[in-house]
Amino acid sequence: MTAPPEPPIRLTSAVACSPDTDVAVLWHIAYHVPELRKWLVANPKADAPLLELVSQRGGPGVRQALEILFESMEA
């Protein structure tokens, strides 16, 4: 190894809603970080299966985030 490994990703709301975040990280958040699930709803890379998992697992603010998403789709 010629260089040290990169430090672990610090999971924040910015990471959860960034379109640059790897999909595997988004799934990790959906499974393991309930306080960041609402931010996944705002991520353009969040597909239907990921949003379904977020909906099923819930967490602080998830219902409200999904309601806003669905309302924006109706407009």
PDB file of N, CA and C in Angstrom:
ATOM      1  N   MET A   1       0.853  -1.168   0.000  1.00  0.00           N
ATOM      2  CA  MET A   1       0.000   0.000   0.000  1.00  0.00           C
ATOM      3  C   MET A   1       0.899   1.231   0.000  1.00  0.00           C
ATOM      4  N   THR A   2       0.661   2.131  -0.913  1.00  0.00           N
ATOM      5  CA  THR A   2       1.496   3.328  -1.012  1.00  0.00           C
ATOM      6  C   THR A   2       0.865   4.551  -0.372  1.00  0.00           C
ATOM      7  N   ALA A   3      -0.422   4.496  -0.104  1.00  0.00           N
ATOM      8  CA  ALA A   3      -1.109   5.633   0.507  1.00  0.00           C
ATOM      9  C   ALA A   3      -2.041   5.111   1.598  1.00  0.00           C
ATOM     10  N   PRO A   4      -2.272   5.923   2.613  1.00  0.00           N
ATOM     11  CA  PRO A   4      -3.192   5.470   3.659  1.00  0.00           C
ATOM     12  C   PRO A   4      -4.618   5.413   3.114  1.00  0.00           C
ATOM     13  N   PRO A   5      -5.454   4.578   3.718  1.00  0.00           N
ATOM     14  CA  PRO A   5      -6.841   4.517   3.252  1.00  0.00           C
ATOM     15  C   PRO A   5      -7.566   5.816   3.565  1.00  0.00           C
ATOM     16  N   GLU A   6      -8.608   6.086   2.793  1.00  0.00           N
ATOM     17  CA  GLU A   6      -9.415   7.282   3.036  1.00  0.00           C
ATOM     18  C   GLU A   6     -10.176   7.120   4.341  1.00  0.00           C
ATOM     19  N   PRO A   7     -10.427   8.227   5.022  1.00  0.00           N
ATOM     20  CA  PRO A   7     -11.196   8.122   6.273  1.00  0.00           C
ATOM     21  C   PRO A   7     -12.633   7.705   5.983  1.00  0.00           C
ATOM     22  N   PRO A   8     -13.300   7.155   6.971  1.00  0.00           N
ATOM     23  CA  PRO A   8     -14.713   6.758   6.742  1.00  0.00           C
ATOM     24  C   PRO A   8     -15.568   7.981   6.423  1.00  0.00           C
ATOM     25  N   ILE A   9     -16.642   7.741   5.712  1.00  0.00           N
ATOM     26  CA  ILE A   9     -17.578   8.815   5.371  1.00  0.00           C
ATOM     27  C   ILE A   9     -18.332   9.223   6.636  1.00  0.00           C
ATOM     28  N   ARG A  10     -18.407  10.512   6.885  1.00  0.00           N
ATOM     29  CA  ARG A  10     -19.214  11.018   7.992  1.00  0.00           C
ATOM     30  C   ARG A  10     -20.628  11.207   7.456  1.00  0.00           C
ATOM     31  N   LEU A  11     -21.572  10.455   7.986  1.00  0.00           N
ATOM     32  CA  LEU A  11     -22.939  10.493   7.484  1.00  0.00           C
ATOM     33  C   LEU A  11     -23.670  11.706   8.036  1.00  0.00           C
ATOM     34  N   THR A  12     -24.084  12.578   7.111  1.00  0.00           N
ATOM     35  CA  THR A  12     -24.785  13.819   7.449  1.00  0.00           C
ATOM     36  C   THR A  12     -25.989  13.966   6.522  1.00  0.00           C
ATOM     37  N   SER A  13     -26.802  14.974   6.788  1.00  0.00           N
ATOM     38  CA  SER A  13     -27.938  15.241   5.906  1.00  0.00           C
ATOM     39  C   SER A  13     -27.459  15.592   4.496  1.00  0.00           C
ATOM     40  N   ALA A  14     -26.325  16.278   4.395  1.00  0.00           N
ATOM     41  CA  ALA A  14     -25.784  16.635   3.076  1.00  0.00           C
ATOM     42  C   ALA A  14     -25.398  15.391   2.288  1.00  0.00           C
ATOM     43  N   VAL A  15     -24.842  14.404   2.952  1.00  0.00           N
ATOM     44  CA  VAL A  15     -24.485  13.143   2.294  1.00  0.00           C
ATOM     45  C   VAL A  15     -25.750  12.410   1.857  1.00  0.00           C
ATOM     46  N   ALA A  16     -26.752  12.385   2.726  1.00  0.00           N
ATOM     47  CA  ALA A  16     -27.991  11.651   2.438  1.00  0.00           C
ATOM     48  C   ALA A  16     -28.751  12.217   1.244  1.00  0.00           C
ATOM     49  N   CYS A  17     -28.701  13.514   1.031  1.00  0.00           N
ATOM     50  CA  CYS A  17     -29.473  14.086  -0.085  1.00  0.00           C
ATOM     51  C   CYS A  17     -28.619  14.443  -1.299  1.00  0.00           C
ATOM     52  N   SER A  18     -27.323  14.181  -1.253  1.00  0.00           N
ATOM     53  CA  SER A  18     -26.450  14.505  -2.380  1.00  0.00           C
ATOM     54  C   SER A  18     -26.570  13.486  -3.511  1.00  0.00           C
ATOM     55  N   PRO A  19     -26.753  13.944  -4.742  1.00  0.00           N
ATOM     56  CA  PRO A  19     -26.779  13.016  -5.874  1.00  0.00           C
ATOM     57  C   PRO A  19     -25.407  12.390  -6.158  1.00  0.00           C
ATOM     58  N   ASP A  20     -24.373  12.918  -5.527  1.00  0.00           N
ATOM     59  CA  ASP A  20     -23.033  12.360  -5.708  1.00  0.00           C
ATOM     60  C   ASP A  20     -22.733  11.200  -4.764  1.00  0.00           C
ATOM     61  N   THR A  21     -23.617  10.960  -3.806  1.00  0.00           N
ATOM     62  CA  THR A  21     -23.403   9.878  -2.844  1.00  0.00           C
ATOM     63  C   THR A  21     -23.665   8.536  -3.507  1.00  0.00           C
ATOM     64  N   ASP A  22     -22.774   7.588  -3.274  1.00  0.00           N
ATOM     65  CA  ASP A  22     -22.906   6.241  -3.818  1.00  0.00           C
ATOM     66  C   ASP A  22     -24.201   5.598  -3.322  1.00  0.00           C
ATOM     67  N   VAL A  23     -24.850   4.856  -4.193  1.00  0.00           N
ATOM     68  CA  VAL A  23     -26.121   4.216  -3.861  1.00  0.00           C
ATOM     69  C   VAL A  23     -25.965   3.265  -2.671  1.00  0.00           C
ATOM     70  N   ALA A  24     -24.845   2.596  -2.547  1.00  0.00           N
ATOM     71  CA  ALA A  24     -24.624   1.688  -1.414  1.00  0.00           C
ATOM     72  C   ALA A  24     -24.667   2.451  -0.090  1.00  0.00           C
ATOM     73  N   VAL A  25     -24.170   3.666  -0.080  1.00  0.00           N
ATOM     74  CA  VAL A  25     -24.217   4.498   1.123  1.00  0.00           C
ATOM     75  C   VAL A  25     -25.660   4.889   1.428  1.00  0.00           C
ATOM     76  N   LEU A  26     -26.434   5.198   0.394  1.00  0.00           N
ATOM     77  CA  LEU A  26     -27.842   5.540   0.593  1.00  0.00           C
ATOM     78  C   LEU A  26     -28.601   4.376   1.225  1.00  0.00           C
ATOM     79  N   TRP A  27     -28.339   3.169   0.737  1.00  0.00           N
ATOM     80  CA  TRP A  27     -28.987   1.986   1.312  1.00  0.00           C
ATOM     81  C   TRP A  27     -28.540   1.768   2.750  1.00  0.00           C
ATOM     82  N   HIS A  28     -27.296   2.006   3.040  1.00  0.00           N
ATOM     83  CA  HIS A  28     -26.805   1.884   4.416  1.00  0.00           C
ATOM     84  C   HIS A  28     -27.572   2.851   5.327  1.00  0.00           C
ATOM     85  N   ILE A  29     -27.713   4.081   4.879  1.00  0.00           N
ATOM     86  CA  ILE A  29     -28.463   5.071   5.654  1.00  0.00           C
ATOM     87  C   ILE A  29     -29.907   4.592   5.864  1.00  0.00           C
ATOM     88  N   ALA A  30     -30.534   4.091   4.803  1.00  0.00           N
ATOM     89  CA  ALA A  30     -31.921   3.637   4.897  1.00  0.00           C
ATOM     90  C   ALA A  30     -32.085   2.519   5.933  1.00  0.00           C
ATOM     91  N   TYR A  31     -31.109   1.643   6.020  1.00  0.00           N
ATOM     92  CA  TYR A  31     -31.184   0.531   6.964  1.00  0.00           C
ATOM     93  C   TYR A  31     -30.768   0.913   8.386  1.00  0.00           C
ATOM     94  N   HIS A  32     -29.784   1.794   8.519  1.00  0.00           N
ATOM     95  CA  HIS A  32     -29.125   1.942   9.812  1.00  0.00           C
ATOM     96  C   HIS A  32     -29.160   3.324  10.452  1.00  0.00           C
ATOM     97  N   VAL A  33     -29.611   4.356   9.753  1.00  0.00           N
ATOM     98  CA  VAL A  33     -29.528   5.717  10.307  1.00  0.00           C
ATOM     99  C   VAL A  33     -30.898   6.398  10.220  1.00  0.00           C
ATOM    100  N   PRO A  34     -31.798   6.070  11.158  1.00  0.00           N
ATOM    101  CA  PRO A  34     -33.168   6.584  11.072  1.00  0.00           C
ATOM    102  C   PRO A  34     -33.278   8.103  11.033  1.00  0.00           C
ATOM    103  N   GLU A  35     -32.393   8.805  11.704  1.00  0.00           N
ATOM    104  CA  GLU A  35     -32.489  10.267  11.729  1.00  0.00           C
ATOM    105  C   GLU A  35     -32.127  10.910  10.396  1.00  0.00           C
ATOM    106  N   LEU A  36     -31.530  10.161   9.475  1.00  0.00           N
ATOM    107  CA  LEU A  36     -31.195  10.709   8.152  1.00  0.00           C
ATOM    108  C   LEU A  36     -32.113  10.208   7.040  1.00  0.00           C
ATOM    109  N   ARG A  37     -33.025   9.313   7.352  1.00  0.00           N
ATOM    110  CA  ARG A  37     -33.900   8.749   6.302  1.00  0.00           C
ATOM    111  C   ARG A  37     -34.716   9.815   5.593  1.00  0.00           C
ATOM    112  N   LYS A  38     -35.195  10.821   6.329  1.00  0.00           N
ATOM    113  CA  LYS A  38     -36.014  11.855   5.680  1.00  0.00           C
ATOM    114  C   LYS A  38     -35.236  12.571   4.582  1.00  0.00           C
ATOM    115  N   TRP A  39     -33.932  12.667   4.730  1.00  0.00           N
ATOM    116  CA  TRP A  39     -33.110  13.352   3.734  1.00  0.00           C
ATOM    117  C   TRP A  39     -32.936  12.518   2.476  1.00  0.00           C
ATOM    118  N   LEU A  40     -33.073  11.210   2.570  1.00  0.00           N
ATOM    119  CA  LEU A  40     -32.992  10.363   1.379  1.00  0.00           C
ATOM    120  C   LEU A  40     -34.119  10.674   0.403  1.00  0.00           C
ATOM    121  N   VAL A  41     -35.261  11.088   0.934  1.00  0.00           N
ATOM    122  CA  VAL A  41     -36.418  11.414   0.083  1.00  0.00           C
ATOM    123  C   VAL A  41     -36.073  12.549  -0.879  1.00  0.00           C
ATOM    124  N   ALA A  42     -35.193  13.439  -0.476  1.00  0.00           N
ATOM    125  CA  ALA A  42     -34.802  14.583  -1.315  1.00  0.00           C
ATOM    126  C   ALA A  42     -33.702  14.228  -2.311  1.00  0.00           C
ATOM    127  N   ASN A  43     -33.160  13.025  -2.241  1.00  0.00           N
ATOM    128  CA  ASN A  43     -32.057  12.652  -3.123  1.00  0.00           C
ATOM    129  C   ASN A  43     -32.600  12.186  -4.473  1.00  0.00           C
ATOM    130  N   PRO A  44     -32.163  12.822  -5.568  1.00  0.00           N
ATOM    131  CA  PRO A  44     -32.655  12.415  -6.894  1.00  0.00           C
ATOM    132  C   PRO A  44     -32.265  10.983  -7.275  1.00  0.00           C
ATOM    133  N   LYS A  45     -31.260  10.406  -6.612  1.00  0.00           N
ATOM    134  CA  LYS A  45     -30.864   9.022  -6.897  1.00  0.00           C
ATOM    135  C   LYS A  45     -31.707   8.004  -6.133  1.00  0.00           C
ATOM    136  N   ALA A  46     -32.566   8.467  -5.230  1.00  0.00           N
ATOM    137  CA  ALA A  46     -33.408   7.551  -4.455  1.00  0.00           C
ATOM    138  C   ALA A  46     -34.505   7.001  -5.361  1.00  0.00           C
ATOM    139  N   ASP A  47     -34.408   5.720  -5.661  1.00  0.00           N
ATOM    140  CA  ASP A  47     -35.402   5.104  -6.543  1.00  0.00           C
ATOM    141  C   ASP A  47     -36.565   4.539  -5.718  1.00  0.00           C
ATOM    142  N   ALA A  48     -37.549   3.974  -6.400  1.00  0.00           N
ATOM    143  CA  ALA A  48     -38.754   3.476  -5.733  1.00  0.00           C
ATOM    144  C   ALA A  48     -38.450   2.422  -4.663  1.00  0.00           C
ATOM    145  N   PRO A  49     -37.580   1.432  -4.920  1.00  0.00           N
ATOM    146  CA  PRO A  49     -37.302   0.455  -3.858  1.00  0.00           C
ATOM    147  C   PRO A  49     -36.672   1.083  -2.610  1.00  0.00           C
ATOM    148  N   LEU A  50     -35.786   2.045  -2.791  1.00  0.00           N
ATOM    149  CA  LEU A  50     -35.168   2.707  -1.644  1.00  0.00           C
ATOM    150  C   LEU A  50     -36.214   3.513  -0.870  1.00  0.00           C
ATOM    151  N   LEU A  51     -37.056   4.251  -1.581  1.00  0.00           N
ATOM    152  CA  LEU A  51     -38.096   5.032  -0.922  1.00  0.00           C
ATOM    153  C   LEU A  51     -39.113   4.130  -0.224  1.00  0.00           C
ATOM    154  N   GLU A  52     -39.392   2.973  -0.796  1.00  0.00           N
ATOM    155  CA  GLU A  52     -40.295   2.016  -0.146  1.00  0.00           C
ATOM    156  C   GLU A  52     -39.705   1.546   1.178  1.00  0.00           C
ATOM    157  N   LEU A  53     -38.422   1.244   1.194  1.00  0.00           N
ATOM    158  CA  LEU A  53     -37.765   0.833   2.437  1.00  0.00           C
ATOM    159  C   LEU A  53     -37.804   1.955   3.463  1.00  0.00           C
ATOM    160  N   VAL A  54     -37.512   3.160   3.030  1.00  0.00           N
ATOM    161  CA  VAL A  54     -37.552   4.318   3.929  1.00  0.00           C
ATOM    162  C   VAL A  54     -38.955   4.467   4.511  1.00  0.00           C
ATOM    163  N   SER A  55     -39.967   4.313   3.678  1.00  0.00           N
ATOM    164  CA  SER A  55     -41.350   4.420   4.132  1.00  0.00           C
ATOM    165  C   SER A  55     -41.674   3.333   5.161  1.00  0.00           C
ATOM    166  N   GLN A  56     -41.246   2.127   4.905  1.00  0.00           N
ATOM    167  CA  GLN A  56     -41.528   1.013   5.806  1.00  0.00           C
ATOM    168  C   GLN A  56     -40.792   1.150   7.137  1.00  0.00           C
ATOM    169  N   ARG A  57     -39.556   1.591   7.098  1.00  0.00           N
ATOM    170  CA  ARG A  57     -38.756   1.671   8.325  1.00  0.00           C
ATOM    171  C   ARG A  57     -39.055   2.931   9.126  1.00  0.00           C
ATOM    172  N   GLY A  58     -39.522   3.987   8.453  1.00  0.00           N
ATOM    173  CA  GLY A  58     -39.897   5.215   9.143  1.00  0.00           C
ATOM    174  C   GLY A  58     -38.717   5.924   9.778  1.00  0.00           C
ATOM    175  N   GLY A  59     -39.049   6.823  10.681  1.00  0.00           N
ATOM    176  CA  GLY A  59     -38.036   7.614  11.353  1.00  0.00           C
ATOM    177  C   GLY A  59     -38.516   9.039  11.493  1.00  0.00           C
ATOM    178  N   PRO A  60     -37.764   9.845  12.216  1.00  0.00           N
ATOM    179  CA  PRO A  60     -38.169  11.236  12.422  1.00  0.00           C
ATOM    180  C   PRO A  60     -38.311  11.991  11.099  1.00  0.00           C
ATOM    181  N   GLY A  61     -39.501  12.516  10.843  1.00  0.00           N
ATOM    182  CA  GLY A  61     -39.734  13.352   9.671  1.00  0.00           C
ATOM    183  C   GLY A  61     -39.960  12.620   8.366  1.00  0.00           C
ATOM    184  N   VAL A  62     -39.923  11.293   8.370  1.00  0.00           N
ATOM    185  CA  VAL A  62     -40.063  10.542   7.112  1.00  0.00           C
ATOM    186  C   VAL A  62     -41.445  10.744   6.506  1.00  0.00           C
ATOM    187  N   ARG A  63     -42.485  10.607   7.307  1.00  0.00           N
ATOM    188  CA  ARG A  63     -43.839  10.756   6.765  1.00  0.00           C
ATOM    189  C   ARG A  63     -44.033  12.121   6.119  1.00  0.00           C
ATOM    190  N   GLN A  64     -43.579  13.164   6.805  1.00  0.00           N
ATOM    191  CA  GLN A  64     -43.733  14.516   6.272  1.00  0.00           C
ATOM    192  C   GLN A  64     -42.931  14.696   4.983  1.00  0.00           C
ATOM    193  N   ALA A  65     -41.723  14.143   4.936  1.00  0.00           N
ATOM    194  CA  ALA A  65     -40.900  14.259   3.728  1.00  0.00           C
ATOM    195  C   ALA A  65     -41.567  13.562   2.547  1.00  0.00           C
ATOM    196  N   LEU A  66     -42.131  12.388   2.798  1.00  0.00           N
ATOM    197  CA  LEU A  66     -42.817  11.670   1.719  1.00  0.00           C
ATOM    198  C   LEU A  66     -44.075  12.411   1.270  1.00  0.00           C
ATOM    199  N   GLU A  67     -44.801  13.004   2.204  1.00  0.00           N
ATOM    200  CA  GLU A  67     -45.982  13.790   1.835  1.00  0.00           C
ATOM    201  C   GLU A  67     -45.600  14.963   0.933  1.00  0.00           C
ATOM    202  N   ILE A  68     -44.515  15.643   1.268  1.00  0.00           N
ATOM    203  CA  ILE A  68     -44.055  16.765   0.435  1.00  0.00           C
ATOM    204  C   ILE A  68     -43.676  16.270  -0.954  1.00  0.00           C
ATOM    205  N   LEU A  69     -42.979  15.127  -1.013  1.00  0.00           N
ATOM    206  CA  LEU A  69     -42.592  14.566  -2.311  1.00  0.00           C
ATOM    207  C   LEU A  69     -43.824  14.261  -3.147  1.00  0.00           C
ATOM    208  N   PHE A  70     -44.804  13.591  -2.550  1.00  0.00           N
ATOM    209  CA  PHE A  70     -46.008  13.212  -3.307  1.00  0.00           C
ATOM    210  C   PHE A  70     -46.822  14.437  -3.726  1.00  0.00           C
ATOM    211  N   GLU A  71     -46.897  15.429  -2.877  1.00  0.00           N
ATOM    212  CA  GLU A  71     -47.602  16.669  -3.238  1.00  0.00           C
ATOM    213  C   GLU A  71     -46.918  17.367  -4.418  1.00  0.00           C
ATOM    214  N   SER A  72     -45.590  17.345  -4.433  1.00  0.00           N
ATOM    215  CA  SER A  72     -44.868  17.985  -5.529  1.00  0.00           C
ATOM    216  C   SER A  72     -45.081  17.239  -6.853  1.00  0.00           C
ATOM    217  N   MET A  73     -45.343  15.962  -6.783  1.00  0.00           N
ATOM    218  CA  MET A  73     -45.575  15.171  -7.988  1.00  0.00           C
ATOM    219  C   MET A  73     -46.964  15.433  -8.557  1.00  0.00           C
ATOM    220  N   GLU A  74     -47.906  15.821  -7.691  1.00  0.00           N
ATOM    221  CA  GLU A  74     -49.267  16.108  -8.139  1.00  0.00           C
ATOM    222  C   GLU A  74     -49.373  17.457  -8.836  1.00  0.00           C
ATOM    223  N   ALA A  75     -48.500  18.360  -8.496  1.00  0.00           N
ATOM    224  CA  ALA A  75     -48.565  19.731  -9.033  1.00  0.00           C
ATOM    225  C   ALA A  75     -48.180  19.794 -10.490  1.00  0.00           C
TER     226      ALA A  75
END
